[in-house]
N, C-alpha and C. Protein backbone atom coordinates (compact mmCIF):
# COMPACT_ATOMS: atom_id res chain seq x y z
N UNK A 1 92.62 129.28 44.18
CA UNK A 1 93.50 128.33 44.54
C UNK A 1 94.23 127.85 42.99
N UNK A 2 95.56 127.55 43.08
CA UNK A 2 96.18 126.51 42.00
C UNK A 2 96.81 125.76 42.34
N UNK A 3 96.95 124.65 41.66
CA UNK A 3 97.75 123.21 42.18
C UNK A 3 99.28 123.00 41.18
N UNK A 4 100.11 123.16 42.11
CA UNK A 4 101.63 123.11 41.35
C UNK A 4 101.94 121.79 41.40
N UNK A 5 102.52 120.84 40.15
CA UNK A 5 103.04 119.85 40.58
C UNK A 5 104.47 119.93 40.22
N UNK A 6 105.03 119.42 40.99
CA UNK A 6 106.48 119.58 40.99
C UNK A 6 107.22 118.36 40.84
N UNK A 7 108.65 118.17 40.51
CA UNK A 7 109.61 117.36 40.57
C UNK A 7 110.89 117.58 40.39
N UNK A 8 111.74 116.85 41.05
CA UNK A 8 113.55 117.34 41.01
C UNK A 8 113.50 115.80 39.51
N UNK A 9 114.26 116.69 38.60
CA UNK A 9 115.25 115.79 37.98
C UNK A 9 116.61 116.21 37.61
N UNK A 10 117.02 115.09 38.17
CA UNK A 10 118.83 115.62 38.19
C UNK A 10 119.12 116.77 39.01
N UNK A 11 119.76 117.65 38.70
CA UNK A 11 120.07 119.15 39.16
C UNK A 11 118.97 119.75 39.18
N UNK A 12 117.88 119.62 38.53
CA UNK A 12 116.97 120.97 38.22
C UNK A 12 115.73 120.49 39.18
N UNK A 13 114.54 121.51 39.26
CA UNK A 13 113.51 121.16 39.70
C UNK A 13 112.41 121.75 38.49
N UNK A 14 111.34 120.82 38.10
CA UNK A 14 110.39 120.83 37.23
C UNK A 14 108.83 121.49 37.69
N UNK A 15 108.29 122.30 36.94
CA UNK A 15 107.03 122.22 37.59
C UNK A 15 105.67 123.12 36.93
N UNK A 16 104.64 122.80 36.79
CA UNK A 16 103.85 122.91 35.94
C UNK A 16 102.22 123.28 36.92
N UNK A 17 101.50 124.08 36.35
CA UNK A 17 100.33 124.69 37.07
C UNK A 17 99.33 123.86 36.64
N UNK A 18 98.81 122.94 36.87
CA UNK A 18 97.56 122.05 36.61
C UNK A 18 96.66 122.34 36.01
N UNK A 19 95.78 123.48 36.55
CA UNK A 19 95.05 124.47 35.51
C UNK A 19 95.12 125.22 34.49
N UNK A 20 96.44 125.40 34.18
CA UNK A 20 96.55 126.37 33.40
C UNK A 20 97.63 125.99 32.21
N UNK A 21 96.88 125.58 30.81
CA UNK A 21 98.13 124.88 30.35
C UNK A 21 99.17 125.81 29.79
N UNK A 22 100.11 125.49 29.94
CA UNK A 22 101.76 126.18 28.95
C UNK A 22 102.15 126.90 30.14
N UNK A 23 101.87 126.52 31.45
CA UNK A 23 102.66 127.71 32.66
C UNK A 23 103.10 126.24 33.36
N UNK A 24 104.59 126.38 32.83
CA UNK A 24 105.46 125.93 33.54
C UNK A 24 106.92 126.37 33.72
N UNK A 25 107.74 125.88 34.32
CA UNK A 25 108.87 126.37 34.74
C UNK A 25 110.12 125.34 35.33
N UNK A 26 111.44 125.76 35.08
CA UNK A 26 112.54 124.86 35.49
C UNK A 26 113.60 125.98 36.11
N UNK A 27 113.85 125.32 37.64
CA UNK A 27 115.04 126.16 38.27
C UNK A 27 115.69 125.30 39.05
N UNK A 28 116.82 126.12 39.92
CA UNK A 28 117.79 125.24 40.20
C UNK A 28 117.54 124.86 41.53
N UNK A 29 116.42 125.31 42.21
CA UNK A 29 115.68 125.29 43.41
C UNK A 29 114.40 124.89 43.38
N UNK A 30 114.03 124.50 44.46
CA UNK A 30 112.41 124.13 44.30
C UNK A 30 112.03 125.65 45.31
N UNK A 31 112.67 126.16 45.83
CA UNK A 31 112.19 127.89 46.35
C UNK A 31 112.05 128.43 44.69
N UNK A 32 113.22 128.58 43.83
CA UNK A 32 113.11 129.14 42.77
C UNK A 32 111.83 129.07 41.85
N UNK A 33 111.86 127.56 41.53
CA UNK A 33 110.72 127.04 40.96
C UNK A 33 109.74 127.34 41.12
N UNK A 34 109.56 127.61 42.62
CA UNK A 34 107.94 127.45 42.80
C UNK A 34 107.45 129.25 42.99
N UNK A 35 108.61 130.29 43.50
CA UNK A 35 108.41 131.80 42.84
C UNK A 35 108.35 131.59 41.02
N UNK A 36 109.18 131.47 40.49
CA UNK A 36 109.21 131.40 39.19
C UNK A 36 107.43 130.42 38.35
N UNK A 37 107.04 129.71 39.46
CA UNK A 37 105.54 129.60 38.71
C UNK A 37 104.52 130.80 39.25
N UNK A 38 105.11 131.07 40.52
CA UNK A 38 104.07 132.33 40.64
C UNK A 38 103.73 133.57 39.56
N UNK A 39 105.15 133.76 39.39
CA UNK A 39 105.22 134.72 38.57
C UNK A 39 104.66 134.54 36.92
N UNK A 40 104.66 133.41 36.77
CA UNK A 40 104.33 132.75 35.39
C UNK A 40 102.77 132.49 35.30
N UNK A 41 102.49 132.25 36.38
CA UNK A 41 101.08 132.20 36.34
C UNK A 41 100.09 133.17 35.95
N UNK A 42 100.76 134.30 37.36
CA UNK A 42 100.30 135.69 37.15
C UNK A 42 100.35 136.41 36.02
N UNK A 43 101.43 136.47 35.27
CA UNK A 43 101.38 137.19 33.65
C UNK A 43 100.60 135.99 32.82
N UNK A 44 100.10 134.35 32.98
CA UNK A 44 99.34 134.09 31.98
C UNK A 44 97.86 134.30 32.25
N UNK A 45 97.84 134.47 33.65
CA UNK A 45 96.00 134.84 33.92
C UNK A 45 96.07 136.48 33.21
N UNK A 46 96.90 137.30 33.72
CA UNK A 46 96.71 139.01 33.17
C UNK A 46 96.62 138.53 31.53
N UNK A 47 97.41 138.06 30.66
CA UNK A 47 97.78 137.90 29.44
C UNK A 47 96.09 137.35 29.01
N UNK A 48 95.68 136.21 29.70
CA UNK A 48 94.23 135.50 29.20
C UNK A 48 92.90 136.85 29.35
N UNK A 49 93.03 137.51 30.50
CA UNK A 49 92.14 138.72 30.90
C UNK A 49 92.41 139.26 30.06
N UNK A 50 93.14 139.91 29.30
CA UNK A 50 93.15 141.10 28.40
C UNK A 50 92.90 140.37 27.04
N UNK A 51 93.12 139.39 26.67
CA UNK A 51 92.81 138.42 25.63
C UNK A 51 91.10 138.61 25.28
N UNK A 52 91.04 138.19 26.83
CA UNK A 52 89.42 137.72 26.86
C UNK A 52 88.65 139.11 26.69
N UNK A 53 89.09 140.38 27.20
CA UNK A 53 88.51 141.57 27.25
C UNK A 53 88.29 141.93 25.86
N UNK A 54 89.56 142.24 24.81
CA UNK A 54 89.67 142.24 23.44
C UNK A 54 88.71 141.70 22.82
N UNK A 55 88.74 140.29 23.18
CA UNK A 55 87.72 139.63 22.17
C UNK A 55 86.18 139.86 22.60
N UNK A 56 86.13 140.35 23.89
CA UNK A 56 84.35 140.59 24.07
C UNK A 56 84.05 141.73 23.23
N UNK A 57 85.22 142.75 23.01
CA UNK A 57 85.05 144.04 22.68
C UNK A 57 84.14 144.85 23.62
N UNK A 58 82.96 145.90 23.34
CA UNK A 58 81.94 146.56 23.80
C UNK A 58 80.85 145.96 24.34
N UNK A 59 80.35 146.55 25.43
CA UNK A 59 79.16 146.36 25.88
C UNK A 59 79.43 144.79 26.93
N UNK A 60 80.38 144.42 27.19
CA UNK A 60 80.33 143.21 27.97
C UNK A 60 80.27 143.29 29.73
N UNK A 61 79.97 142.38 30.42
CA UNK A 61 79.75 142.37 31.80
C UNK A 61 80.94 141.46 32.34
N UNK A 62 81.47 141.76 33.42
CA UNK A 62 82.30 140.79 34.07
C UNK A 62 81.54 140.13 35.38
N UNK A 63 81.63 138.99 35.32
CA UNK A 63 80.42 138.00 36.12
C UNK A 63 82.02 137.15 37.16
N UNK A 64 81.52 137.04 38.47
CA UNK A 64 82.53 136.25 39.31
C UNK A 64 81.84 134.83 39.12
N UNK A 65 82.45 133.64 39.22
CA UNK A 65 82.13 132.32 39.14
C UNK A 65 82.97 131.16 39.88
N UNK A 66 82.10 131.00 40.91
CA UNK A 66 82.74 130.51 42.27
C UNK A 66 82.94 128.61 41.76
N UNK A 67 83.94 128.13 42.22
CA UNK A 67 83.67 126.27 42.05
C UNK A 67 83.35 125.84 43.67
């Protein structure tokens, strides 16, 4: 689970995902903002996943970590 920090500023809704730097969006409605944050978060996680796999090279193991 991730946390969205959102606020309305004038005519715009602004939002950030607390746990992932760089995931932020701006939309005209709250609903559009939340959907954009979901999409942007998924894209960022997939990008980071691919980056980690490429950095690890071969012979790596994936482990689930729960907090």
